[in-house]
């Protein structure tokens, strides 16, 4: 069985504004748009557009947070893979620090 190839890091999450964002690579490759709106925004009878937007804002915010967390985890994947390979091979303190940095990146703390 051949090993699947992936785009090597570094990847990053860009565009933190509402409706914007993607996982990108210095070579210009984009894995996917991170924030497509999937919240049903249909006005209820007699509801204004502004009222509908205010009513659905918590759902949009929750979706945005979830998409951002997913994007951060995906962007950290090459770092996590490298750190795990190094830990298995060497197991020294430097590799532990590398693993901790990769985890921080995956959790959006970097």
N, C-alpha and C. Protein backbone atom coordinates (compact mmCIF):
# COMPACT_ATOMS: atom_id res chain seq x y z
N UNK A 1 0.84 -1.17 0.00
CA UNK A 1 0.00 0.00 0.00
C UNK A 1 0.89 1.24 0.00
N UNK A 2 0.63 2.19 -0.91
CA UNK A 2 1.44 3.39 -0.96
C UNK A 2 0.86 4.44 -0.01
N UNK A 3 1.77 5.23 0.55
CA UNK A 3 1.36 6.27 1.49
C UNK A 3 0.83 7.47 0.72
N UNK A 4 -0.30 8.03 1.16
CA UNK A 4 -0.87 9.21 0.52
C UNK A 4 0.05 10.40 0.76
N UNK A 5 0.19 11.24 -0.22
CA UNK A 5 1.02 12.42 -0.10
C UNK A 5 0.15 13.61 0.30
N UNK A 6 0.70 14.47 1.12
CA UNK A 6 -0.02 15.68 1.52
C UNK A 6 0.86 16.89 1.21
N UNK A 7 0.23 18.04 1.19
CA UNK A 7 0.97 19.28 0.99
C UNK A 7 1.74 19.56 2.26
N UNK A 8 3.06 19.66 2.21
CA UNK A 8 3.82 19.91 3.43
C UNK A 8 3.52 21.30 3.98
N UNK A 9 3.72 21.45 5.28
CA UNK A 9 3.49 22.74 5.93
C UNK A 9 4.56 23.75 5.54
N UNK A 10 4.49 24.97 6.00
CA UNK A 10 3.49 25.40 6.97
C UNK A 10 2.19 25.82 6.31
N UNK A 11 1.09 25.51 6.94
CA UNK A 11 -0.22 25.99 6.54
C UNK A 11 -0.62 27.05 7.56
N UNK A 12 -1.55 27.90 7.19
CA UNK A 12 -2.03 28.90 8.14
C UNK A 12 -3.50 29.17 7.91
N UNK A 13 -4.14 29.72 8.93
CA UNK A 13 -5.54 30.13 8.84
C UNK A 13 -5.54 31.63 8.64
N UNK A 14 -6.21 32.09 7.59
CA UNK A 14 -6.22 33.51 7.28
C UNK A 14 -7.65 34.02 7.20
N UNK A 15 -7.80 35.32 7.34
CA UNK A 15 -9.10 35.97 7.18
C UNK A 15 -10.07 35.63 8.29
N UNK A 16 -9.91 36.26 9.43
CA UNK A 16 -10.75 35.93 10.58
C UNK A 16 -12.07 36.70 10.61
N UNK A 17 -12.36 37.50 9.60
CA UNK A 17 -13.60 38.27 9.60
C UNK A 17 -14.80 37.40 9.27
N UNK A 18 -15.97 37.95 9.53
CA UNK A 18 -17.21 37.21 9.27
C UNK A 18 -17.29 36.84 7.79
N UNK A 19 -17.53 35.58 7.53
CA UNK A 19 -17.68 35.10 6.17
C UNK A 19 -16.40 34.92 5.40
N UNK A 20 -15.27 35.21 6.02
CA UNK A 20 -13.99 35.10 5.33
C UNK A 20 -13.09 34.13 6.08
N UNK A 21 -12.24 33.51 5.36
CA UNK A 21 -11.26 32.66 5.98
C UNK A 21 -10.96 31.44 5.14
N UNK A 22 -9.72 31.03 5.21
CA UNK A 22 -9.33 29.83 4.48
C UNK A 22 -8.04 29.30 5.07
N UNK A 23 -7.79 28.09 4.74
CA UNK A 23 -6.54 27.46 5.13
C UNK A 23 -5.63 27.61 3.92
N UNK A 24 -4.48 28.24 4.13
CA UNK A 24 -3.62 28.53 2.98
C UNK A 24 -2.22 28.01 3.20
N UNK A 25 -1.50 27.97 2.11
CA UNK A 25 -0.14 27.46 2.06
C UNK A 25 0.69 28.51 1.33
N UNK A 26 1.96 28.70 1.68
CA UNK A 26 2.78 29.71 1.01
C UNK A 26 2.81 29.58 -0.51
N UNK A 27 2.63 28.38 -1.02
CA UNK A 27 2.65 28.18 -2.47
C UNK A 27 1.34 28.63 -3.12
N UNK A 28 0.39 29.10 -2.29
CA UNK A 28 -0.86 29.59 -2.83
C UNK A 28 -1.97 28.58 -2.85
N UNK A 29 -1.70 27.36 -2.40
CA UNK A 29 -2.75 26.36 -2.40
C UNK A 29 -3.73 26.64 -1.27
N UNK A 30 -4.99 26.42 -1.53
CA UNK A 30 -6.03 26.63 -0.53
C UNK A 30 -6.75 25.31 -0.33
N UNK A 31 -6.80 24.85 0.93
CA UNK A 31 -7.45 23.58 1.21
C UNK A 31 -8.96 23.71 1.07
N UNK A 32 -9.56 24.72 1.66
CA UNK A 32 -10.98 24.98 1.51
C UNK A 32 -11.33 26.29 2.17
N UNK A 33 -12.46 26.86 1.74
CA UNK A 33 -12.96 28.05 2.40
C UNK A 33 -13.51 27.61 3.74
N UNK A 34 -13.10 28.27 4.79
CA UNK A 34 -13.42 27.81 6.13
C UNK A 34 -14.77 28.27 6.65
N UNK A 35 -15.37 29.29 6.05
CA UNK A 35 -16.57 29.84 6.67
C UNK A 35 -17.77 30.01 5.74
N UNK A 36 -18.20 28.97 5.06
CA UNK A 36 -19.43 29.15 4.29
C UNK A 36 -20.61 29.21 5.27
N UNK A 37 -21.52 30.14 5.05
CA UNK A 37 -22.67 30.22 5.95
C UNK A 37 -23.65 29.12 5.60
N UNK A 38 -24.02 28.35 6.58
CA UNK A 38 -24.95 27.25 6.39
C UNK A 38 -26.18 27.41 7.26
N UNK A 39 -26.34 28.57 7.88
CA UNK A 39 -27.47 28.84 8.75
C UNK A 39 -28.66 29.23 7.88
N UNK A 40 -29.78 28.57 8.11
CA UNK A 40 -30.99 28.92 7.37
C UNK A 40 -31.45 30.30 7.81
N UNK A 41 -31.46 31.23 6.89
CA UNK A 41 -31.85 32.59 7.20
C UNK A 41 -33.13 32.92 6.44
N UNK A 42 -34.20 32.38 6.93
CA UNK A 42 -35.50 32.65 6.34
C UNK A 42 -36.29 33.51 7.31
N UNK A 43 -36.89 34.56 6.77
CA UNK A 43 -37.67 35.43 7.64
C UNK A 43 -38.99 34.77 8.01
N UNK A 44 -39.33 34.95 9.26
CA UNK A 44 -40.63 34.48 9.72
C UNK A 44 -41.67 35.51 9.32
N UNK A 45 -42.92 35.11 9.34
CA UNK A 45 -43.99 36.01 8.91
C UNK A 45 -43.94 37.31 9.70
N UNK A 46 -43.88 38.43 9.00
CA UNK A 46 -43.86 39.74 9.61
C UNK A 46 -42.51 40.17 10.16
N UNK A 47 -41.48 39.35 9.99
CA UNK A 47 -40.15 39.65 10.53
C UNK A 47 -39.34 40.44 9.52
N UNK A 48 -38.68 41.48 9.99
CA UNK A 48 -37.82 42.26 9.11
C UNK A 48 -36.51 41.50 8.88
N UNK A 49 -35.78 41.94 7.85
CA UNK A 49 -34.49 41.32 7.55
C UNK A 49 -33.54 41.51 8.73
N UNK A 50 -33.55 42.72 9.31
CA UNK A 50 -32.66 43.01 10.45
C UNK A 50 -33.02 42.13 11.64
N UNK A 51 -34.31 41.98 11.92
CA UNK A 51 -34.72 41.12 13.04
C UNK A 51 -34.31 39.67 12.80
N UNK A 52 -34.45 39.21 11.55
CA UNK A 52 -34.04 37.84 11.22
C UNK A 52 -32.54 37.67 11.44
N UNK A 53 -31.74 38.66 11.03
CA UNK A 53 -30.29 38.58 11.22
C UNK A 53 -29.93 38.55 12.70
N UNK A 54 -30.60 39.35 13.50
CA UNK A 54 -30.35 39.35 14.94
C UNK A 54 -30.76 38.01 15.56
N UNK A 55 -31.88 37.45 15.12
CA UNK A 55 -32.34 36.17 15.66
C UNK A 55 -31.38 35.03 15.32
N UNK A 56 -30.81 35.06 14.12
CA UNK A 56 -29.93 33.97 13.69
C UNK A 56 -28.46 34.20 14.01
N UNK A 57 -28.13 35.35 14.60
CA UNK A 57 -26.73 35.66 14.91
C UNK A 57 -26.06 34.62 15.81
N UNK A 58 -26.71 34.14 16.88
CA UNK A 58 -26.05 33.12 17.71
C UNK A 58 -25.69 31.86 16.92
N UNK A 59 -26.56 31.46 15.99
CA UNK A 59 -26.27 30.27 15.18
C UNK A 59 -25.09 30.53 14.25
N UNK A 60 -25.04 31.73 13.66
CA UNK A 60 -23.91 32.07 12.78
C UNK A 60 -22.61 32.13 13.57
N UNK A 61 -22.65 32.70 14.77
CA UNK A 61 -21.45 32.77 15.61
C UNK A 61 -20.96 31.38 16.00
N UNK A 62 -21.89 30.50 16.35
CA UNK A 62 -21.52 29.12 16.71
C UNK A 62 -20.87 28.41 15.52
N UNK A 63 -21.46 28.58 14.34
CA UNK A 63 -20.90 27.96 13.14
C UNK A 63 -19.52 28.53 12.84
N UNK A 64 -19.36 29.83 12.97
CA UNK A 64 -18.07 30.47 12.72
C UNK A 64 -17.01 29.90 13.67
N UNK A 65 -17.34 29.76 14.94
CA UNK A 65 -16.38 29.23 15.92
C UNK A 65 -16.01 27.79 15.58
N UNK A 66 -16.98 26.99 15.18
CA UNK A 66 -16.70 25.60 14.82
C UNK A 66 -15.82 25.51 13.57
N UNK A 67 -16.13 26.31 12.57
CA UNK A 67 -15.32 26.31 11.34
C UNK A 67 -13.89 26.77 11.64
N UNK A 68 -13.74 27.77 12.50
CA UNK A 68 -12.41 28.26 12.85
C UNK A 68 -11.62 27.17 13.58
N UNK A 69 -12.26 26.49 14.53
CA UNK A 69 -11.58 25.41 15.25
C UNK A 69 -11.15 24.30 14.28
N UNK A 70 -12.01 23.96 13.32
CA UNK A 70 -11.66 22.95 12.32
C UNK A 70 -10.49 23.42 11.46
N UNK A 71 -10.52 24.68 11.04
CA UNK A 71 -9.45 25.22 10.21
C UNK A 71 -8.12 25.19 10.95
N UNK A 72 -8.13 25.56 12.24
CA UNK A 72 -6.89 25.56 13.03
C UNK A 72 -6.33 24.15 13.16
N UNK A 73 -7.20 23.19 13.37
CA UNK A 73 -6.75 21.80 13.49
C UNK A 73 -6.17 21.30 12.17
N UNK A 74 -6.83 21.60 11.07
CA UNK A 74 -6.34 21.16 9.76
C UNK A 74 -5.02 21.83 9.43
N UNK A 75 -4.89 23.13 9.73
CA UNK A 75 -3.65 23.85 9.45
C UNK A 75 -2.49 23.29 10.26
N UNK A 76 -2.78 22.74 11.44
CA UNK A 76 -1.73 22.18 12.30
C UNK A 76 -1.36 20.75 11.93
N UNK A 77 -2.12 20.11 11.06
CA UNK A 77 -1.90 18.70 10.74
C UNK A 77 -0.46 18.37 10.32
N UNK A 78 0.18 19.13 9.42
CA UNK A 78 1.57 18.79 9.06
C UNK A 78 2.51 18.88 10.26
N UNK A 79 2.30 19.88 11.12
CA UNK A 79 3.15 20.04 12.31
C UNK A 79 2.94 18.88 13.28
N UNK A 80 1.68 18.49 13.47
CA UNK A 80 1.38 17.38 14.37
C UNK A 80 2.00 16.08 13.85
N UNK A 81 1.87 15.83 12.57
CA UNK A 81 2.43 14.62 11.98
C UNK A 81 3.94 14.58 12.14
N UNK A 82 4.59 15.71 11.84
CA UNK A 82 6.04 15.78 11.98
C UNK A 82 6.47 15.56 13.44
N UNK A 83 5.77 16.21 14.36
CA UNK A 83 6.12 16.08 15.78
C UNK A 83 5.98 14.64 16.25
N UNK A 84 4.93 13.98 15.83
CA UNK A 84 4.74 12.58 16.23
C UNK A 84 5.82 11.67 15.66
N UNK A 85 6.16 11.90 14.38
CA UNK A 85 7.24 11.10 13.78
C UNK A 85 8.55 11.31 14.55
N UNK A 86 8.86 12.56 14.87
CA UNK A 86 10.10 12.85 15.60
C UNK A 86 10.08 12.25 17.00
N UNK A 87 8.95 12.32 17.68
CA UNK A 87 8.87 11.75 19.02
C UNK A 87 9.10 10.24 18.98
N UNK A 88 8.56 9.60 17.96
CA UNK A 88 8.75 8.15 17.84
C UNK A 88 10.21 7.81 17.57
N UNK A 89 10.87 8.64 16.75
CA UNK A 89 12.26 8.37 16.39
C UNK A 89 13.24 8.75 17.49
N UNK A 90 13.05 9.93 18.11
CA UNK A 90 14.04 10.44 19.05
C UNK A 90 13.57 10.45 20.50
N UNK A 91 12.39 10.97 20.70
CA UNK A 91 11.85 11.03 22.05
C UNK A 91 12.58 11.97 22.98
N UNK A 92 13.24 13.01 22.46
CA UNK A 92 13.96 13.92 23.35
C UNK A 92 13.13 15.16 23.70
N UNK A 93 13.68 16.03 24.52
CA UNK A 93 12.97 17.22 25.01
C UNK A 93 12.59 18.17 23.89
N UNK A 94 13.44 18.33 22.90
CA UNK A 94 13.15 19.22 21.77
C UNK A 94 11.90 18.76 21.04
N UNK A 95 11.76 17.46 20.86
CA UNK A 95 10.58 16.93 20.18
C UNK A 95 9.32 17.15 20.99
N UNK A 96 9.45 17.06 22.31
CA UNK A 96 8.30 17.32 23.18
C UNK A 96 7.85 18.78 23.00
N UNK A 97 8.81 19.70 22.94
CA UNK A 97 8.48 21.11 22.73
C UNK A 97 7.83 21.33 21.37
N UNK A 98 8.32 20.63 20.36
CA UNK A 98 7.73 20.71 19.02
C UNK A 98 6.28 20.21 19.06
N UNK A 99 6.06 19.12 19.76
CA UNK A 99 4.71 18.57 19.88
C UNK A 99 3.79 19.56 20.60
N UNK A 100 4.29 20.20 21.64
CA UNK A 100 3.48 21.18 22.37
C UNK A 100 3.14 22.38 21.50
N UNK A 101 4.07 22.83 20.66
CA UNK A 101 3.79 23.94 19.73
C UNK A 101 2.74 23.53 18.71
N UNK A 102 2.84 22.31 18.22
CA UNK A 102 1.86 21.83 17.24
C UNK A 102 0.47 21.73 17.86
N UNK A 103 0.40 21.26 19.09
CA UNK A 103 -0.89 21.18 19.79
C UNK A 103 -1.46 22.58 19.99
N UNK A 104 -0.63 23.53 20.38
CA UNK A 104 -1.09 24.91 20.58
C UNK A 104 -1.63 25.47 19.27
N UNK A 105 -0.97 25.17 18.15
CA UNK A 105 -1.43 25.64 16.86
C UNK A 105 -2.78 25.01 16.52
N UNK A 106 -2.92 23.73 16.76
CA UNK A 106 -4.18 23.03 16.47
C UNK A 106 -5.32 23.58 17.31
N UNK A 107 -5.01 24.06 18.51
CA UNK A 107 -6.04 24.58 19.39
C UNK A 107 -6.22 26.09 19.25
N UNK A 108 -5.51 26.70 18.27
CA UNK A 108 -5.67 28.12 18.01
C UNK A 108 -5.04 29.02 19.05
N UNK A 109 -4.07 28.52 19.76
CA UNK A 109 -3.41 29.30 20.83
C UNK A 109 -2.10 29.89 20.37
N UNK A 110 -1.79 29.79 19.11
CA UNK A 110 -0.51 30.28 18.59
C UNK A 110 -0.74 31.45 17.71
